[in-house]
Amino acid sequence: MLQLKPNCECCNKALPANSTEAMICSYECTFCRDCVEKELRNVCPNCGGSFEARPIHPLKVC
């Protein structure tokens, strides 16, 4: 199961489970889209990997 971290590891922006702004690397390091594009240039500072959009997890399950 994917660990959904609630905040960007760079700027601490809130990234709720349904956020389209959350980006993760293969080790689930979590950053907001702005930090990934502007600060990190799509390279994870923890593992050196690239980022993909984090899957959206609905807040309410039917």
PDB file of N, CA and C in Angstrom:
ATOM      1  N   MET A   1       0.842  -1.178   0.000  1.00  0.00           N
ATOM      2  CA  MET A   1       0.000   0.000   0.000  1.00  0.00           C
ATOM      3  C   MET A   1       0.884   1.237   0.000  1.00  0.00           C
ATOM      4  N   LEU A   2       0.542   2.192  -0.821  1.00  0.00           N
ATOM      5  CA  LEU A   2       1.272   3.437  -0.952  1.00  0.00           C
ATOM      6  C   LEU A   2       1.092   4.296   0.297  1.00  0.00           C
ATOM      7  N   GLN A   3       2.206   4.831   0.810  1.00  0.00           N
ATOM      8  CA  GLN A   3       2.134   5.721   1.965  1.00  0.00           C
ATOM      9  C   GLN A   3       1.865   7.134   1.465  1.00  0.00           C
ATOM     10  N   LEU A   4       0.755   7.721   1.876  1.00  0.00           N
ATOM     11  CA  LEU A   4       0.395   9.071   1.450  1.00  0.00           C
ATOM     12  C   LEU A   4       0.866  10.075   2.491  1.00  0.00           C
ATOM     13  N   LYS A   5       2.020  10.666   2.252  1.00  0.00           N
ATOM     14  CA  LYS A   5       2.548  11.669   3.176  1.00  0.00           C
ATOM     15  C   LYS A   5       1.738  12.951   3.014  1.00  0.00           C
ATOM     16  N   PRO A   6       1.413  13.626   4.118  1.00  0.00           N
ATOM     17  CA  PRO A   6       0.478  14.750   4.070  1.00  0.00           C
ATOM     18  C   PRO A   6       1.063  16.095   3.652  1.00  0.00           C
ATOM     19  N   ASN A   7       2.402  16.203   3.544  1.00  0.00           N
ATOM     20  CA  ASN A   7       3.021  17.493   3.246  1.00  0.00           C
ATOM     21  C   ASN A   7       4.215  17.349   2.313  1.00  0.00           C
ATOM     22  N   CYS A   8       4.507  18.441   1.603  1.00  0.00           N
ATOM     23  CA  CYS A   8       5.705  18.507   0.763  1.00  0.00           C
ATOM     24  C   CYS A   8       6.934  18.478   1.670  1.00  0.00           C
ATOM     25  N   GLU A   9       7.916  17.662   1.321  1.00  0.00           N
ATOM     26  CA  GLU A   9       9.139  17.552   2.118  1.00  0.00           C
ATOM     27  C   GLU A   9      10.053  18.760   1.954  1.00  0.00           C
ATOM     28  N   CYS A  10       9.749  19.641   1.001  1.00  0.00           N
ATOM     29  CA  CYS A  10      10.579  20.818   0.762  1.00  0.00           C
ATOM     30  C   CYS A  10       9.975  22.074   1.404  1.00  0.00           C
ATOM     31  N   CYS A  11       8.717  22.380   1.061  1.00  0.00           N
ATOM     32  CA  CYS A  11       8.092  23.625   1.532  1.00  0.00           C
ATOM     33  C   CYS A  11       6.999  23.415   2.572  1.00  0.00           C
ATOM     34  N   ASN A  12       6.688  22.171   2.879  1.00  0.00           N
ATOM     35  CA  ASN A  12       5.680  21.801   3.877  1.00  0.00           C
ATOM     36  C   ASN A  12       4.238  22.110   3.454  1.00  0.00           C
ATOM     37  N   LYS A  13       4.014  22.329   2.165  1.00  0.00           N
ATOM     38  CA  LYS A  13       2.657  22.564   1.656  1.00  0.00           C
ATOM     39  C   LYS A  13       1.793  21.342   1.933  1.00  0.00           C
ATOM     40  N   ALA A  14       0.551  21.572   2.341  1.00  0.00           N
ATOM     41  CA  ALA A  14      -0.381  20.470   2.599  1.00  0.00           C
ATOM     42  C   ALA A  14      -0.722  19.748   1.295  1.00  0.00           C
ATOM     43  N   LEU A  15      -0.638  18.416   1.333  1.00  0.00           N
ATOM     44  CA  LEU A  15      -0.951  17.579   0.176  1.00  0.00           C
ATOM     45  C   LEU A  15      -1.919  16.485   0.613  1.00  0.00           C
ATOM     46  N   PRO A  16      -3.206  16.823   0.714  1.00  0.00           N
ATOM     47  CA  PRO A  16      -4.191  15.820   1.138  1.00  0.00           C
ATOM     48  C   PRO A  16      -4.281  14.669   0.143  1.00  0.00           C
ATOM     49  N   ALA A  17      -4.942  13.620   0.540  1.00  0.00           N
ATOM     50  CA  ALA A  17      -5.023  12.397  -0.265  1.00  0.00           C
ATOM     51  C   ALA A  17      -5.592  12.622  -1.658  1.00  0.00           C
ATOM     52  N   ASN A  18      -6.427  13.642  -1.827  1.00  0.00           N
ATOM     53  CA  ASN A  18      -7.029  13.902  -3.133  1.00  0.00           C
ATOM     54  C   ASN A  18      -6.322  15.010  -3.911  1.00  0.00           C
ATOM     55  N   SER A  19      -5.131  15.401  -3.488  1.00  0.00           N
ATOM     56  CA  SER A  19      -4.393  16.484  -4.139  1.00  0.00           C
ATOM     57  C   SER A  19      -3.832  16.057  -5.490  1.00  0.00           C
ATOM     58  N   THR A  20      -4.000  16.925  -6.482  1.00  0.00           N
ATOM     59  CA  THR A  20      -3.396  16.690  -7.797  1.00  0.00           C
ATOM     60  C   THR A  20      -2.016  17.333  -7.880  1.00  0.00           C
ATOM     61  N   GLU A  21      -1.576  17.980  -6.808  1.00  0.00           N
ATOM     62  CA  GLU A  21      -0.277  18.646  -6.765  1.00  0.00           C
ATOM     63  C   GLU A  21       0.833  17.763  -6.202  1.00  0.00           C
ATOM     64  N   ALA A  22       0.495  16.604  -5.663  1.00  0.00           N
ATOM     65  CA  ALA A  22       1.490  15.735  -5.023  1.00  0.00           C
ATOM     66  C   ALA A  22       2.282  14.939  -6.056  1.00  0.00           C
ATOM     67  N   MET A  23       3.590  14.921  -5.888  1.00  0.00           N
ATOM     68  CA  MET A  23       4.501  14.167  -6.750  1.00  0.00           C
ATOM     69  C   MET A  23       5.327  13.235  -5.863  1.00  0.00           C
ATOM     70  N   ILE A  24       5.601  12.020  -6.352  1.00  0.00           N
ATOM     71  CA  ILE A  24       6.391  11.061  -5.578  1.00  0.00           C
ATOM     72  C   ILE A  24       7.471  10.429  -6.452  1.00  0.00           C
ATOM     73  N   CYS A  25       8.539   9.966  -5.795  1.00  0.00           N
ATOM     74  CA  CYS A  25       9.561   9.180  -6.485  1.00  0.00           C
ATOM     75  C   CYS A  25       9.277   7.704  -6.203  1.00  0.00           C
ATOM     76  N   SER A  26      10.122   6.826  -6.681  1.00  0.00           N
ATOM     77  CA  SER A  26       9.882   5.388  -6.494  1.00  0.00           C
ATOM     78  C   SER A  26       9.999   4.954  -5.035  1.00  0.00           C
ATOM     79  N   TYR A  27      10.606   5.794  -4.180  1.00  0.00           N
ATOM     80  CA  TYR A  27      10.703   5.485  -2.751  1.00  0.00           C
ATOM     81  C   TYR A  27       9.643   6.230  -1.940  1.00  0.00           C
ATOM     82  N   GLU A  28       8.685   6.843  -2.626  1.00  0.00           N
ATOM     83  CA  GLU A  28       7.566   7.560  -2.017  1.00  0.00           C
ATOM     84  C   GLU A  28       7.968   8.857  -1.321  1.00  0.00           C
ATOM     85  N   CYS A  29       9.141   9.416  -1.675  1.00  0.00           N
ATOM     86  CA  CYS A  29       9.466  10.762  -1.213  1.00  0.00           C
ATOM     87  C   CYS A  29       8.402  11.661  -1.833  1.00  0.00           C
ATOM     88  N   THR A  30       7.862  12.591  -1.074  1.00  0.00           N
ATOM     89  CA  THR A  30       6.705  13.362  -1.514  1.00  0.00           C
ATOM     90  C   THR A  30       7.002  14.854  -1.540  1.00  0.00           C
ATOM     91  N   PHE A  31       6.701  15.472  -2.669  1.00  0.00           N
ATOM     92  CA  PHE A  31       6.920  16.901  -2.863  1.00  0.00           C
ATOM     93  C   PHE A  31       5.755  17.477  -3.649  1.00  0.00           C
ATOM     94  N   CYS A  32       5.549  18.792  -3.539  1.00  0.00           N
ATOM     95  CA  CYS A  32       4.504  19.431  -4.340  1.00  0.00           C
ATOM     96  C   CYS A  32       5.044  19.664  -5.753  1.00  0.00           C
ATOM     97  N   ARG A  33       4.132  19.819  -6.690  1.00  0.00           N
ATOM     98  CA  ARG A  33       4.495  20.002  -8.094  1.00  0.00           C
ATOM     99  C   ARG A  33       5.397  21.230  -8.288  1.00  0.00           C
ATOM    100  N   ASP A  34       5.118  22.334  -7.576  1.00  0.00           N
ATOM    101  CA  ASP A  34       5.938  23.541  -7.716  1.00  0.00           C
ATOM    102  C   ASP A  34       7.387  23.290  -7.317  1.00  0.00           C
ATOM    103  N   CYS A  35       7.616  22.627  -6.186  1.00  0.00           N
ATOM    104  CA  CYS A  35       8.985  22.340  -5.741  1.00  0.00           C
ATOM    105  C   CYS A  35       9.692  21.391  -6.707  1.00  0.00           C
ATOM    106  N   VAL A  36       8.979  20.384  -7.193  1.00  0.00           N
ATOM    107  CA  VAL A  36       9.576  19.428  -8.137  1.00  0.00           C
ATOM    108  C   VAL A  36      10.036  20.150  -9.398  1.00  0.00           C
ATOM    109  N   GLU A  37       9.190  21.032  -9.923  1.00  0.00           N
ATOM    110  CA  GLU A  37       9.512  21.709 -11.181  1.00  0.00           C
ATOM    111  C   GLU A  37      10.504  22.853 -11.010  1.00  0.00           C
ATOM    112  N   LYS A  38      10.348  23.666  -9.962  1.00  0.00           N
ATOM    113  CA  LYS A  38      11.145  24.886  -9.825  1.00  0.00           C
ATOM    114  C   LYS A  38      12.402  24.726  -8.983  1.00  0.00           C
ATOM    115  N   GLU A  39      12.329  23.962  -7.909  1.00  0.00           N
ATOM    116  CA  GLU A  39      13.462  23.826  -6.991  1.00  0.00           C
ATOM    117  C   GLU A  39      14.308  22.581  -7.272  1.00  0.00           C
ATOM    118  N   LEU A  40      13.635  21.466  -7.500  1.00  0.00           N
ATOM    119  CA  LEU A  40      14.333  20.178  -7.602  1.00  0.00           C
ATOM    120  C   LEU A  40      14.639  19.761  -9.035  1.00  0.00           C
ATOM    121  N   ARG A  41      13.998  20.420 -10.001  1.00  0.00           N
ATOM    122  CA  ARG A  41      14.203  20.117 -11.428  1.00  0.00           C
ATOM    123  C   ARG A  41      14.018  18.640 -11.739  1.00  0.00           C
ATOM    124  N   ASN A  42      12.976  18.071 -11.132  1.00  0.00           N
ATOM    125  CA  ASN A  42      12.550  16.682 -11.346  1.00  0.00           C
ATOM    126  C   ASN A  42      13.573  15.631 -10.898  1.00  0.00           C
ATOM    127  N   VAL A  43      14.438  15.986  -9.946  1.00  0.00           N
ATOM    128  CA  VAL A  43      15.396  15.026  -9.388  1.00  0.00           C
ATOM    129  C   VAL A  43      15.192  14.976  -7.875  1.00  0.00           C
ATOM    130  N   CYS A  44      14.875  13.801  -7.346  1.00  0.00           N
ATOM    131  CA  CYS A  44      14.653  13.646  -5.914  1.00  0.00           C
ATOM    132  C   CYS A  44      15.964  13.883  -5.156  1.00  0.00           C
ATOM    133  N   PRO A  45      15.965  14.793  -4.169  1.00  0.00           N
ATOM    134  CA  PRO A  45      17.185  15.059  -3.414  1.00  0.00           C
ATOM    135  C   PRO A  45      17.572  13.919  -2.476  1.00  0.00           C
ATOM    136  N   ASN A  46      16.645  13.014  -2.210  1.00  0.00           N
ATOM    137  CA  ASN A  46      16.909  11.902  -1.300  1.00  0.00           C
ATOM    138  C   ASN A  46      17.495  10.686  -2.006  1.00  0.00           C
ATOM    139  N   CYS A  47      16.987  10.378  -3.206  1.00  0.00           N
ATOM    140  CA  CYS A  47      17.420   9.143  -3.876  1.00  0.00           C
ATOM    141  C   CYS A  47      17.958   9.361  -5.285  1.00  0.00           C
ATOM    142  N   GLY A  48      17.806  10.561  -5.837  1.00  0.00           N
ATOM    143  CA  GLY A  48      18.297  10.847  -7.179  1.00  0.00           C
ATOM    144  C   GLY A  48      17.359  10.417  -8.293  1.00  0.00           C
ATOM    145  N   GLY A  49      16.197   9.876  -7.930  1.00  0.00           N
ATOM    146  CA  GLY A  49      15.230   9.420  -8.929  1.00  0.00           C
ATOM    147  C   GLY A  49      14.367  10.554  -9.455  1.00  0.00           C
ATOM    148  N   SER A  50      13.516  10.227 -10.417  1.00  0.00           N
ATOM    149  CA  SER A  50      12.591  11.208 -10.977  1.00  0.00           C
ATOM    150  C   SER A  50      11.235  11.093 -10.285  1.00  0.00           C
ATOM    151  N   PHE A  51      10.318  11.950 -10.652  1.00  0.00           N
ATOM    152  CA  PHE A  51       9.006  12.008 -10.013  1.00  0.00           C
ATOM    153  C   PHE A  51       7.882  11.664 -10.975  1.00  0.00           C
ATOM    154  N   GLU A  52       6.792  11.196 -10.398  1.00  0.00           N
ATOM    155  CA  GLU A  52       5.533  10.963 -11.097  1.00  0.00           C
ATOM    156  C   GLU A  52       4.425  11.530 -10.224  1.00  0.00           C
ATOM    157  N   ALA A  53       3.292  11.818 -10.836  1.00  0.00           N
ATOM    158  CA  ALA A  53       2.142  12.283 -10.060  1.00  0.00           C
ATOM    159  C   ALA A  53       1.704  11.184  -9.102  1.00  0.00           C
ATOM    160  N   ARG A  54       1.434  11.560  -7.860  1.00  0.00           N
ATOM    161  CA  ARG A  54       0.952  10.588  -6.883  1.00  0.00           C
ATOM    162  C   ARG A  54      -0.499  10.241  -7.215  1.00  0.00           C
ATOM    163  N   PRO A  55      -0.858   8.966  -7.185  1.00  0.00           N
ATOM    164  CA  PRO A  55      -2.257   8.596  -7.436  1.00  0.00           C
ATOM    165  C   PRO A  55      -3.181   9.277  -6.434  1.00  0.00           C
ATOM    166  N   ILE A  56      -4.343   9.663  -6.912  1.00  0.00           N
ATOM    167  CA  ILE A  56      -5.331  10.312  -6.051  1.00  0.00           C
ATOM    168  C   ILE A  56      -6.089   9.248  -5.281  1.00  0.00           C
ATOM    169  N   HIS A  57      -6.208   9.472  -3.988  1.00  0.00           N
ATOM    170  CA  HIS A  57      -6.954   8.565  -3.117  1.00  0.00           C
ATOM    171  C   HIS A  57      -8.216   9.295  -2.700  1.00  0.00           C
ATOM    172  N   PRO A  58      -9.388   8.780  -3.052  1.00  0.00           N
ATOM    173  CA  PRO A  58     -10.624   9.484  -2.693  1.00  0.00           C
ATOM    174  C   PRO A  58     -10.776   9.620  -1.184  1.00  0.00           C
ATOM    175  N   LEU A  59     -11.303  10.764  -0.764  1.00  0.00           N
ATOM    176  CA  LEU A  59     -11.507  10.991   0.665  1.00  0.00           C
ATOM    177  C   LEU A  59     -12.632  10.134   1.215  1.00  0.00           C
ATOM    178  N   LYS A  60     -13.618   9.832   0.381  1.00  0.00           N
ATOM    179  CA  LYS A  60     -14.746   9.018   0.813  1.00  0.00           C
ATOM    180  C   LYS A  60     -14.835   7.776  -0.071  1.00  0.00           C
ATOM    181  N   VAL A  61     -14.847   6.619   0.551  1.00  0.00           N
ATOM    182  CA  VAL A  61     -14.952   5.365  -0.186  1.00  0.00           C
ATOM    183  C   VAL A  61     -16.402   4.904  -0.139  1.00  0.00           C
ATOM    184  N   CYS A  62     -16.955   4.588  -1.297  1.00  0.00           N
ATOM    185  CA  CYS A  62     -18.364   4.150  -1.367  1.00  0.00           C
ATOM    186  C   CYS A  62     -18.505   2.691  -1.003  1.00  0.00           C
TER     187      CYS A  62
END
